[in-house]
Amino acid sequence: MNRTPILILPALLAACQIAPAENPAPATYGSGVFERDTAEYRGQKFARNRCSDCHAVEPLQLSPNPSAPSFVDVANTPGLSRESLATWLKTTHDFPSEMYFEIPEEHIDDLVAYMLTLQTADYEPAI
């Protein structure tokens, strides 16, 4: 019986191990690639953690709460600007009967930066 293949197997398997990258690649998301520690990355992370219970925060998602608009729908509102979105986010989540929190001021700019990445030229509202 030839044992050479059995003796080579551990060496081959060891060669298949993946070493961790010194500089990990940027995270890839449905709406694009965001470098870590950018406003867009932080905004998406906040949206996933704090907004996704009610809103669809990624493209092609449906909002868990049917009365909560998706982030794609909000981002593609005609005439929306960075300033108007920031103002809207500061003032629309303070209705206790509808929402359970206000968006902390320190997260507004990050959330705006992320949401603006969801704008598309060929946006069609859902029927």
N, C-alpha and C. Protein backbone atom coordinates (compact mmCIF):
# COMPACT_ATOMS: atom_id res chain seq x y z
N MET A 1 0.84 -1.18 0.00
CA MET A 1 0.00 0.00 0.00
C MET A 1 0.89 1.24 0.00
N ASN A 2 0.61 2.15 -0.88
CA ASN A 2 1.39 3.38 -1.01
C ASN A 2 0.87 4.42 -0.03
N ARG A 3 1.69 4.86 0.91
CA ARG A 3 1.28 5.83 1.93
C ARG A 3 1.64 7.27 1.54
N THR A 4 2.23 7.47 0.42
CA THR A 4 2.63 8.81 0.00
C THR A 4 1.46 9.79 -0.03
N PRO A 5 0.29 9.44 -0.63
CA PRO A 5 -0.83 10.38 -0.63
C PRO A 5 -1.29 10.75 0.77
N ILE A 6 -1.27 9.79 1.68
CA ILE A 6 -1.71 10.06 3.05
C ILE A 6 -0.72 11.00 3.75
N LEU A 7 0.56 10.85 3.48
CA LEU A 7 1.57 11.70 4.10
C LEU A 7 1.54 13.12 3.52
N ILE A 8 1.15 13.27 2.28
CA ILE A 8 1.11 14.58 1.63
C ILE A 8 -0.15 15.35 2.00
N LEU A 9 -1.20 14.65 2.35
CA LEU A 9 -2.50 15.28 2.63
C LEU A 9 -2.41 16.39 3.69
N PRO A 10 -1.74 16.18 4.84
CA PRO A 10 -1.66 17.28 5.82
C PRO A 10 -0.98 18.52 5.27
N ALA A 11 0.04 18.33 4.46
CA ALA A 11 0.74 19.48 3.86
C ALA A 11 -0.17 20.23 2.90
N LEU A 12 -0.95 19.51 2.13
CA LEU A 12 -1.88 20.14 1.20
C LEU A 12 -2.97 20.90 1.96
N LEU A 13 -3.49 20.30 3.01
CA LEU A 13 -4.54 20.97 3.79
C LEU A 13 -4.00 22.22 4.48
N ALA A 14 -2.78 22.14 4.97
CA ALA A 14 -2.19 23.31 5.62
C ALA A 14 -2.02 24.45 4.63
N ALA A 15 -1.75 24.14 3.38
CA ALA A 15 -1.59 25.17 2.36
C ALA A 15 -2.91 25.86 2.04
N CYS A 16 -4.02 25.21 2.37
CA CYS A 16 -5.33 25.78 2.08
C CYS A 16 -5.81 26.76 3.15
N GLN A 17 -5.13 26.82 4.26
CA GLN A 17 -5.56 27.73 5.32
C GLN A 17 -5.40 29.16 4.86
N ILE A 18 -6.37 29.98 5.22
CA ILE A 18 -6.36 31.38 4.82
C ILE A 18 -5.79 32.21 5.96
N ALA A 19 -4.75 32.95 5.66
CA ALA A 19 -4.16 33.84 6.66
C ALA A 19 -4.96 35.13 6.71
N PRO A 20 -5.15 35.70 7.91
CA PRO A 20 -5.89 36.96 7.99
C PRO A 20 -5.14 38.08 7.28
N ALA A 21 -5.90 38.93 6.62
CA ALA A 21 -5.30 40.06 5.90
C ALA A 21 -4.84 41.11 6.89
N GLU A 22 -3.71 41.72 6.61
CA GLU A 22 -3.23 42.79 7.49
C GLU A 22 -4.14 44.00 7.40
N ASN A 23 -4.60 44.33 6.21
CA ASN A 23 -5.53 45.43 5.98
C ASN A 23 -6.79 44.85 5.37
N PRO A 24 -7.79 44.53 6.21
CA PRO A 24 -8.99 43.92 5.65
C PRO A 24 -9.64 44.80 4.60
N ALA A 25 -10.25 44.15 3.62
CA ALA A 25 -10.94 44.88 2.55
C ALA A 25 -12.16 45.59 3.11
N PRO A 26 -12.58 46.67 2.46
CA PRO A 26 -13.79 47.36 2.93
C PRO A 26 -15.00 46.46 2.86
N ALA A 27 -15.93 46.70 3.75
CA ALA A 27 -17.16 45.91 3.76
C ALA A 27 -17.97 46.21 2.51
N THR A 28 -18.64 45.20 1.98
CA THR A 28 -19.48 45.37 0.80
C THR A 28 -20.92 45.25 1.23
N TYR A 29 -21.75 46.16 0.78
CA TYR A 29 -23.15 46.18 1.14
C TYR A 29 -23.99 46.32 -0.11
N GLY A 30 -25.29 46.14 0.06
CA GLY A 30 -26.21 46.19 -1.07
C GLY A 30 -26.16 47.50 -1.81
N SER A 31 -25.87 48.58 -1.13
CA SER A 31 -25.90 49.88 -1.79
C SER A 31 -24.51 50.36 -2.20
N GLY A 32 -23.49 49.59 -1.95
CA GLY A 32 -22.17 50.02 -2.35
C GLY A 32 -21.11 49.50 -1.40
N VAL A 33 -19.91 49.99 -1.58
CA VAL A 33 -18.79 49.61 -0.74
C VAL A 33 -18.45 50.82 0.11
N PHE A 34 -18.41 50.61 1.41
CA PHE A 34 -18.09 51.71 2.33
C PHE A 34 -16.83 51.36 3.10
N GLU A 35 -15.88 52.26 3.07
CA GLU A 35 -14.68 52.09 3.87
C GLU A 35 -15.08 52.18 5.34
N ARG A 36 -14.43 51.39 6.15
CA ARG A 36 -14.70 51.44 7.58
C ARG A 36 -14.37 52.83 8.11
N ASP A 37 -15.13 53.24 9.09
CA ASP A 37 -14.96 54.52 9.76
C ASP A 37 -15.24 55.72 8.85
N THR A 38 -16.15 55.53 7.89
CA THR A 38 -16.65 56.65 7.11
C THR A 38 -18.06 56.94 7.59
N ALA A 39 -18.56 58.10 7.24
CA ALA A 39 -19.92 58.47 7.64
C ALA A 39 -20.93 57.47 7.08
N GLU A 40 -20.76 57.04 5.84
CA GLU A 40 -21.68 56.09 5.21
C GLU A 40 -21.69 54.75 5.95
N TYR A 41 -20.52 54.28 6.31
CA TYR A 41 -20.40 53.01 7.04
C TYR A 41 -21.06 53.13 8.41
N ARG A 42 -20.76 54.20 9.13
CA ARG A 42 -21.36 54.40 10.46
C ARG A 42 -22.87 54.57 10.36
N GLY A 43 -23.33 55.28 9.33
CA GLY A 43 -24.76 55.48 9.14
C GLY A 43 -25.48 54.18 8.85
N GLN A 44 -24.90 53.35 8.01
CA GLN A 44 -25.52 52.06 7.72
C GLN A 44 -25.54 51.18 8.96
N LYS A 45 -24.47 51.20 9.71
CA LYS A 45 -24.42 50.40 10.94
C LYS A 45 -25.50 50.87 11.92
N PHE A 46 -25.65 52.18 12.08
CA PHE A 46 -26.69 52.70 12.96
C PHE A 46 -28.07 52.30 12.44
N ALA A 47 -28.28 52.42 11.15
CA ALA A 47 -29.58 52.06 10.56
C ALA A 47 -29.91 50.60 10.80
N ARG A 48 -28.94 49.74 10.60
CA ARG A 48 -29.17 48.31 10.82
C ARG A 48 -29.49 48.02 12.28
N ASN A 49 -28.82 48.70 13.19
CA ASN A 49 -29.01 48.44 14.61
C ASN A 49 -30.24 49.10 15.20
N ARG A 50 -30.59 50.29 14.73
CA ARG A 50 -31.63 51.06 15.40
C ARG A 50 -32.88 51.30 14.57
N CYS A 51 -32.81 51.19 13.26
CA CYS A 51 -33.94 51.56 12.41
C CYS A 51 -34.62 50.36 11.75
N SER A 52 -33.91 49.24 11.66
CA SER A 52 -34.40 48.11 10.87
C SER A 52 -35.54 47.34 11.50
N ASP A 53 -35.88 47.62 12.75
CA ASP A 53 -37.07 46.99 13.34
C ASP A 53 -38.34 47.47 12.65
N CYS A 54 -38.30 48.68 12.12
CA CYS A 54 -39.48 49.25 11.45
C CYS A 54 -39.26 49.49 9.96
N HIS A 55 -38.07 49.96 9.59
CA HIS A 55 -37.79 50.39 8.21
C HIS A 55 -36.94 49.37 7.45
N ALA A 56 -37.17 49.28 6.15
CA ALA A 56 -36.23 48.59 5.26
C ALA A 56 -35.06 49.55 5.09
N VAL A 57 -33.89 49.16 5.55
CA VAL A 57 -32.74 50.07 5.50
C VAL A 57 -31.78 49.75 4.35
N GLU A 58 -32.01 48.64 3.67
CA GLU A 58 -31.17 48.23 2.54
C GLU A 58 -32.03 48.17 1.27
N PRO A 59 -31.42 48.29 0.12
CA PRO A 59 -32.17 48.12 -1.12
C PRO A 59 -32.79 46.72 -1.18
N LEU A 60 -33.91 46.61 -1.82
CA LEU A 60 -34.62 45.35 -2.05
C LEU A 60 -35.21 44.71 -0.79
N GLN A 61 -35.26 45.44 0.30
CA GLN A 61 -35.92 44.95 1.51
C GLN A 61 -37.32 45.55 1.60
N LEU A 62 -38.16 44.88 2.36
CA LEU A 62 -39.47 45.42 2.70
C LEU A 62 -39.44 45.85 4.16
N SER A 63 -40.11 46.95 4.47
CA SER A 63 -40.15 47.42 5.85
C SER A 63 -40.95 46.45 6.70
N PRO A 64 -40.41 46.05 7.85
CA PRO A 64 -41.15 45.18 8.76
C PRO A 64 -42.47 45.81 9.22
N ASN A 65 -42.48 47.12 9.36
CA ASN A 65 -43.69 47.86 9.70
C ASN A 65 -44.21 48.47 8.40
N PRO A 66 -45.34 47.99 7.90
CA PRO A 66 -45.84 48.48 6.60
C PRO A 66 -46.07 49.99 6.54
N SER A 67 -46.26 50.65 7.67
CA SER A 67 -46.47 52.10 7.63
C SER A 67 -45.16 52.88 7.70
N ALA A 68 -44.03 52.19 7.86
CA ALA A 68 -42.72 52.85 7.90
C ALA A 68 -42.11 52.85 6.51
N PRO A 69 -41.79 54.01 5.96
CA PRO A 69 -41.21 54.05 4.61
C PRO A 69 -39.83 53.40 4.58
N SER A 70 -39.50 52.82 3.44
CA SER A 70 -38.16 52.26 3.28
C SER A 70 -37.16 53.42 3.14
N PHE A 71 -35.93 53.14 3.46
CA PHE A 71 -34.90 54.17 3.31
C PHE A 71 -34.72 54.54 1.83
N VAL A 72 -34.90 53.58 0.94
CA VAL A 72 -34.80 53.86 -0.50
C VAL A 72 -35.88 54.85 -0.91
N ASP A 73 -37.12 54.63 -0.42
CA ASP A 73 -38.21 55.56 -0.75
C ASP A 73 -37.92 56.96 -0.21
N VAL A 74 -37.45 57.03 1.01
CA VAL A 74 -37.15 58.34 1.61
C VAL A 74 -36.03 59.02 0.82
N ALA A 75 -34.97 58.29 0.54
CA ALA A 75 -33.80 58.86 -0.14
C ALA A 75 -34.15 59.36 -1.54
N ASN A 76 -35.16 58.77 -2.16
CA ASN A 76 -35.53 59.16 -3.51
C ASN A 76 -36.75 60.07 -3.57
N THR A 77 -37.04 60.72 -2.47
CA THR A 77 -38.12 61.71 -2.44
C THR A 77 -37.72 62.88 -3.34
N PRO A 78 -38.58 63.29 -4.27
CA PRO A 78 -38.24 64.42 -5.14
C PRO A 78 -37.86 65.66 -4.34
N GLY A 79 -36.78 66.30 -4.75
CA GLY A 79 -36.33 67.53 -4.11
C GLY A 79 -35.55 67.34 -2.82
N LEU A 80 -35.32 66.10 -2.41
CA LEU A 80 -34.60 65.84 -1.18
C LEU A 80 -33.16 66.32 -1.29
N SER A 81 -32.68 66.97 -0.24
CA SER A 81 -31.29 67.41 -0.19
C SER A 81 -30.69 66.92 1.13
N ARG A 82 -29.40 67.05 1.24
CA ARG A 82 -28.71 66.69 2.48
C ARG A 82 -29.32 67.46 3.65
N GLU A 83 -29.55 68.75 3.46
CA GLU A 83 -30.08 69.59 4.53
C GLU A 83 -31.52 69.22 4.88
N SER A 84 -32.36 69.00 3.86
CA SER A 84 -33.76 68.69 4.15
C SER A 84 -33.88 67.32 4.81
N LEU A 85 -33.05 66.37 4.42
CA LEU A 85 -33.08 65.05 5.04
C LEU A 85 -32.63 65.14 6.50
N ALA A 86 -31.57 65.90 6.77
CA ALA A 86 -31.10 66.05 8.15
C ALA A 86 -32.18 66.69 9.02
N THR A 87 -32.82 67.71 8.52
CA THR A 87 -33.90 68.37 9.28
C THR A 87 -35.04 67.40 9.52
N TRP A 88 -35.42 66.66 8.50
CA TRP A 88 -36.52 65.70 8.63
C TRP A 88 -36.19 64.63 9.67
N LEU A 89 -34.96 64.10 9.64
CA LEU A 89 -34.57 63.07 10.60
C LEU A 89 -34.54 63.61 12.03
N LYS A 90 -34.21 64.88 12.19
CA LYS A 90 -34.17 65.48 13.53
C LYS A 90 -35.55 65.68 14.12
N THR A 91 -36.56 65.82 13.26
CA THR A 91 -37.88 66.21 13.77
C THR A 91 -38.97 65.16 13.63
N THR A 92 -38.74 64.07 12.92
CA THR A 92 -39.84 63.12 12.68
C THR A 92 -39.90 61.96 13.64
N HIS A 93 -38.90 61.74 14.43
CA HIS A 93 -38.90 60.58 15.31
C HIS A 93 -39.21 60.95 16.76
N ASP A 94 -39.92 62.05 16.95
CA ASP A 94 -40.24 62.45 18.32
C ASP A 94 -41.73 62.33 18.61
N PHE A 95 -42.39 61.44 17.89
CA PHE A 95 -43.81 61.20 18.12
C PHE A 95 -43.95 59.92 18.93
N PRO A 96 -44.17 60.03 20.23
CA PRO A 96 -44.18 58.83 21.09
C PRO A 96 -45.18 57.77 20.64
N SER A 97 -46.29 58.15 20.04
CA SER A 97 -47.26 57.14 19.64
C SER A 97 -46.79 56.35 18.42
N GLU A 98 -45.84 56.88 17.64
CA GLU A 98 -45.37 56.22 16.43
C GLU A 98 -44.01 55.54 16.61
N MET A 99 -43.09 56.23 17.25
CA MET A 99 -41.73 55.71 17.37
C MET A 99 -41.32 55.66 18.83
N TYR A 100 -40.32 54.86 19.09
CA TYR A 100 -39.90 54.70 20.47
C TYR A 100 -38.59 55.41 20.80
N PHE A 101 -38.06 56.17 19.88
CA PHE A 101 -36.83 56.92 20.18
C PHE A 101 -36.65 58.09 19.24
N GLU A 102 -35.83 59.02 19.68
CA GLU A 102 -35.36 60.10 18.81
C GLU A 102 -33.98 59.69 18.31
N ILE A 103 -33.65 60.12 17.12
CA ILE A 103 -32.32 59.82 16.59
C ILE A 103 -31.33 60.76 17.28
N PRO A 104 -30.34 60.21 17.98
CA PRO A 104 -29.37 61.09 18.65
C PRO A 104 -28.67 62.00 17.64
N GLU A 105 -28.51 63.23 18.02
CA GLU A 105 -27.91 64.26 17.16
C GLU A 105 -26.58 63.80 16.55
N GLU A 106 -25.78 63.09 17.31
CA GLU A 106 -24.45 62.70 16.82
C GLU A 106 -24.52 61.64 15.71
N HIS A 107 -25.69 61.07 15.45
CA HIS A 107 -25.83 60.07 14.39
C HIS A 107 -26.51 60.62 13.13
N ILE A 108 -27.03 61.82 13.19
CA ILE A 108 -27.79 62.37 12.06
C ILE A 108 -26.94 62.47 10.80
N ASP A 109 -25.77 63.08 10.88
CA ASP A 109 -24.94 63.26 9.67
C ASP A 109 -24.53 61.93 9.06
N ASP A 110 -24.22 60.94 9.90
CA ASP A 110 -23.85 59.62 9.39
C ASP A 110 -25.04 58.96 8.71
N LEU A 111 -26.20 59.05 9.32
CA LEU A 111 -27.40 58.45 8.74
C LEU A 111 -27.75 59.12 7.41
N VAL A 112 -27.63 60.43 7.35
CA VAL A 112 -27.87 61.16 6.10
C VAL A 112 -26.89 60.70 5.02
N ALA A 113 -25.62 60.61 5.37
CA ALA A 113 -24.61 60.19 4.39
C ALA A 113 -24.95 58.81 3.84
N TYR A 114 -25.35 57.88 4.70
CA TYR A 114 -25.72 56.55 4.22
C TYR A 114 -26.97 56.62 3.34
N MET A 115 -28.00 57.29 3.81
CA MET A 115 -29.26 57.31 3.07
C MET A 115 -29.10 57.93 1.69
N LEU A 116 -28.23 58.91 1.55
CA LEU A 116 -28.03 59.53 0.24
C LEU A 116 -27.37 58.56 -0.75
N THR A 117 -26.69 57.53 -0.25
CA THR A 117 -26.11 56.53 -1.15
C THR A 117 -27.20 55.67 -1.79
N LEU A 118 -28.41 55.74 -1.26
CA LEU A 118 -29.52 54.93 -1.77
C LEU A 118 -30.28 55.62 -2.89
N GLN A 119 -29.89 56.85 -3.22
CA GLN A 119 -30.54 57.55 -4.33
C GLN A 119 -30.11 56.92 -5.65
N THR A 120 -31.10 56.77 -6.55
CA THR A 120 -30.79 56.23 -7.87
C THR A 120 -31.52 57.05 -8.92
N ALA A 121 -30.91 57.19 -10.08
CA ALA A 121 -31.51 57.95 -11.17
C ALA A 121 -32.74 57.24 -11.74
N ASP A 122 -32.77 55.92 -11.65
CA ASP A 122 -33.88 55.17 -12.24
C ASP A 122 -34.89 54.69 -11.19
N TYR A 123 -34.99 55.39 -10.08
CA TYR A 123 -35.90 55.01 -9.01
C TYR A 123 -37.35 54.99 -9.47
N GLU A 124 -38.04 53.93 -9.14
CA GLU A 124 -39.47 53.80 -9.39
C GLU A 124 -40.12 53.43 -8.07
N PRO A 125 -41.06 54.25 -7.58
CA PRO A 125 -41.70 53.88 -6.31
C PRO A 125 -42.47 52.57 -6.43
N ALA A 126 -42.51 51.83 -5.34
CA ALA A 126 -43.25 50.57 -5.32
C ALA A 126 -44.74 50.86 -5.47
N ILE A 127 -45.42 49.93 -6.07
CA ILE A 127 -46.87 50.09 -6.27
C ILE A 127 -47.59 49.59 -5.03
